Structure formats: structure tokens, C-alpha cells
Amino acid sequence: MVQHYVREALAQAVYENLRDGRVVATVPPCKGVIVFGVDHRSAQQELSSVLEEWTMLGVRLCHTLPVLGGVDLNTDDARALVQY
């Protein structure tokens, strides 16, 4: 379920090339998620990892997470499955 959520988040990712050649990536609905990479691929890989951690922490702390692509982790059943 977390992997599906991360895939949906990655589909909404915004990448920007910086003047120094690095790439910054964010997912606008996922507040506070921002990563930097030396290129698009490394930014995407780092973003995937950070999103997984961000999601797991949000579930553990009972934060309200954005519904992405129809994936809603805010229900008791979804939280129980993620924490299992």
C-alpha cells in the first residue's frame, strides 16, 4: 500500500533544474518533501526514498496525509495495514 502511495506521489512530482546543474524535486501535496540530486534520476531515486519515510512517519504519528491518486491512508483500516 505504501509503494502504491509513493508511485502516485512520484506521478505528481515537480522537477526543476538549478543553475548549478543540480535538480530539485518536490511533490506539492506532500508538504515539506523536497530533495536535491545531481541529475533527474538521482533526484527521483532520493524522492522515492524520502516519500516512503515521510509516509510511514505520517501514518505512525496519525498525521492527515493527502489523498493521492485515490490512495487514502487516513482511514483506520489503511493505517492498520501500513503499520502491520
C-alpha atoms as a PDB file:
ATOM      1  CA  MET A   1       0.000   0.000   0.000  1.00  0.00           C
ATOM      2  CA  VAL A   2       2.845   2.404   0.812  1.00  0.00           C
ATOM      3  CA  GLN A   3       4.536   1.591  -2.504  1.00  0.00           C
ATOM      4  CA  HIS A   4       1.318   2.398  -4.361  1.00  0.00           C
ATOM      5  CA  TYR A   5       1.059   5.695  -2.475  1.00  0.00           C
ATOM      6  CA  VAL A   6       4.683   6.548  -3.305  1.00  0.00           C
ATOM      7  CA  ARG A   7       4.096   5.761  -7.003  1.00  0.00           C
ATOM      8  CA  GLU A   8       1.093   8.096  -7.005  1.00  0.00           C
ATOM      9  CA  ALA A   9       3.169  10.797  -5.310  1.00  0.00           C
ATOM     10  CA  LEU A  10       6.006  10.388  -7.815  1.00  0.00           C
ATOM     11  CA  ALA A  11       3.493  10.873 -10.630  1.00  0.00           C
ATOM     12  CA  GLN A  12       2.815  14.342  -9.183  1.00  0.00           C
ATOM     13  CA  ALA A  13       6.468  15.249  -8.670  1.00  0.00           C
ATOM     14  CA  VAL A  14       7.779  18.561  -9.941  1.00  0.00           C
ATOM     15  CA  TYR A  15      11.427  18.756 -11.008  1.00  0.00           C
ATOM     16  CA  GLU A  16      13.400  21.936 -11.523  1.00  0.00           C
ATOM     17  CA  ASN A  17      16.903  22.327 -12.892  1.00  0.00           C
ATOM     18  CA  LEU A  18      19.009  24.648 -10.788  1.00  0.00           C
ATOM     19  CA  ARG A  19      21.685  26.973 -12.156  1.00  0.00           C
ATOM     20  CA  ASP A  20      24.434  24.900 -10.565  1.00  0.00           C
ATOM     21  CA  GLY A  21      23.295  21.828 -12.527  1.00  0.00           C
ATOM     22  CA  ARG A  22      21.545  20.061  -9.677  1.00  0.00           C
ATOM     23  CA  VAL A  23      17.886  19.092  -9.763  1.00  0.00           C
ATOM     24  CA  VAL A  24      15.346  19.862  -7.032  1.00  0.00           C
ATOM     25  CA  ALA A  25      12.230  17.716  -6.728  1.00  0.00           C
ATOM     26  CA  THR A  26       9.048  18.294  -4.751  1.00  0.00           C
ATOM     27  CA  VAL A  27       5.550  16.843  -4.551  1.00  0.00           C
ATOM     28  CA  PRO A  28       3.273  19.838  -3.963  1.00  0.00           C
ATOM     29  CA  PRO A  29       0.565  17.972  -1.986  1.00  0.00           C
ATOM     30  CA  CYS A  30       3.223  16.465   0.314  1.00  0.00           C
ATOM     31  CA  LYS A  31       4.218  19.409   2.482  1.00  0.00           C
ATOM     32  CA  GLY A  32       7.881  19.517   3.439  1.00  0.00           C
ATOM     33  CA  VAL A  33       9.062  16.937   0.924  1.00  0.00           C
ATOM     34  CA  ILE A  34      11.980  18.341  -1.046  1.00  0.00           C
ATOM     35  CA  VAL A  35      15.109  16.642  -2.361  1.00  0.00           C
ATOM     36  CA  PHE A  36      18.144  17.573  -4.412  1.00  0.00           C
ATOM     37  CA  GLY A  37      20.051  15.389  -6.828  1.00  0.00           C
ATOM     38  CA  VAL A  38      22.986  15.730  -9.176  1.00  0.00           C
ATOM     39  CA  ASP A  39      20.617  14.837 -12.044  1.00  0.00           C
ATOM     40  CA  HIS A  40      16.958  13.964 -12.660  1.00  0.00           C
ATOM     41  CA  ARG A  41      17.463  10.258 -11.996  1.00  0.00           C
ATOM     42  CA  SER A  42      19.230  10.737  -8.660  1.00  0.00           C
ATOM     43  CA  ALA A  43      16.595  13.272  -7.569  1.00  0.00           C
ATOM     44  CA  GLN A  44      13.834  10.808  -8.445  1.00  0.00           C
ATOM     45  CA  GLN A  45      15.526   7.981  -6.535  1.00  0.00           C
ATOM     46  CA  GLU A  46      16.042  10.186  -3.483  1.00  0.00           C
ATOM     47  CA  LEU A  47      12.469  11.454  -3.731  1.00  0.00           C
ATOM     48  CA  SER A  48      11.135   7.895  -3.718  1.00  0.00           C
ATOM     49  CA  SER A  49      13.109   7.089  -0.587  1.00  0.00           C
ATOM     50  CA  VAL A  50      12.104  10.292   1.217  1.00  0.00           C
ATOM     51  CA  LEU A  51       8.443   9.824   0.294  1.00  0.00           C
ATOM     52  CA  GLU A  52       8.426   6.328   1.754  1.00  0.00           C
ATOM     53  CA  GLU A  53       9.924   7.577   5.029  1.00  0.00           C
ATOM     54  CA  TRP A  54       7.638  10.637   5.087  1.00  0.00           C
ATOM     55  CA  THR A  55       4.586   8.436   4.538  1.00  0.00           C
ATOM     56  CA  MET A  56       5.499   5.884   7.198  1.00  0.00           C
ATOM     57  CA  LEU A  57       6.214   8.618   9.744  1.00  0.00           C
ATOM     58  CA  GLY A  58       2.966  10.396   8.917  1.00  0.00           C
ATOM     59  CA  VAL A  59       0.995   7.194   9.414  1.00  0.00           C
ATOM     60  CA  ARG A  60       2.742   6.405  12.714  1.00  0.00           C
ATOM     61  CA  LEU A  61       2.073   9.920  14.028  1.00  0.00           C
ATOM     62  CA  CYS A  62      -1.534   9.883  12.740  1.00  0.00           C
ATOM     63  CA  HIS A  63      -0.971  12.929  10.537  1.00  0.00           C
ATOM     64  CA  THR A  64      -3.553  13.615   7.873  1.00  0.00           C
ATOM     65  CA  LEU A  65      -1.870  12.694   4.602  1.00  0.00           C
ATOM     66  CA  PRO A  66      -3.026  13.933   1.204  1.00  0.00           C
ATOM     67  CA  VAL A  67      -5.114  11.503  -0.826  1.00  0.00           C
ATOM     68  CA  LEU A  68      -3.062  10.763  -3.943  1.00  0.00           C
ATOM     69  CA  GLY A  69      -4.492   9.039  -6.993  1.00  0.00           C
ATOM     70  CA  GLY A  70      -7.345   7.702  -4.911  1.00  0.00           C
ATOM     71  CA  VAL A  71      -4.998   6.201  -2.302  1.00  0.00           C
ATOM     72  CA  ASP A  72      -6.238   7.313   1.117  1.00  0.00           C
ATOM     73  CA  LEU A  73      -4.038   6.319   4.057  1.00  0.00           C
ATOM     74  CA  ASN A  74      -6.124   8.260   6.565  1.00  0.00           C
ATOM     75  CA  THR A  75      -8.619   5.506   7.364  1.00  0.00           C
ATOM     76  CA  ASP A  76      -8.182   3.223  10.354  1.00  0.00           C
ATOM     77  CA  ASP A  77      -8.034   0.185   8.058  1.00  0.00           C
ATOM     78  CA  ALA A  78      -5.345   1.718   5.855  1.00  0.00           C
ATOM     79  CA  ARG A  79      -3.268   2.800   8.853  1.00  0.00           C
ATOM     80  CA  ALA A  80      -3.513  -0.705  10.322  1.00  0.00           C
ATOM     81  CA  LEU A  81      -2.339  -2.264   7.042  1.00  0.00           C
ATOM     82  CA  VAL A  82       0.570   0.169   6.689  1.00  0.00           C
ATOM     83  CA  GLN A  83       1.738  -0.371  10.261  1.00  0.00           C
ATOM     84  CA  TYR A  84       1.471  -4.161  10.012  1.00  0.00           C
END
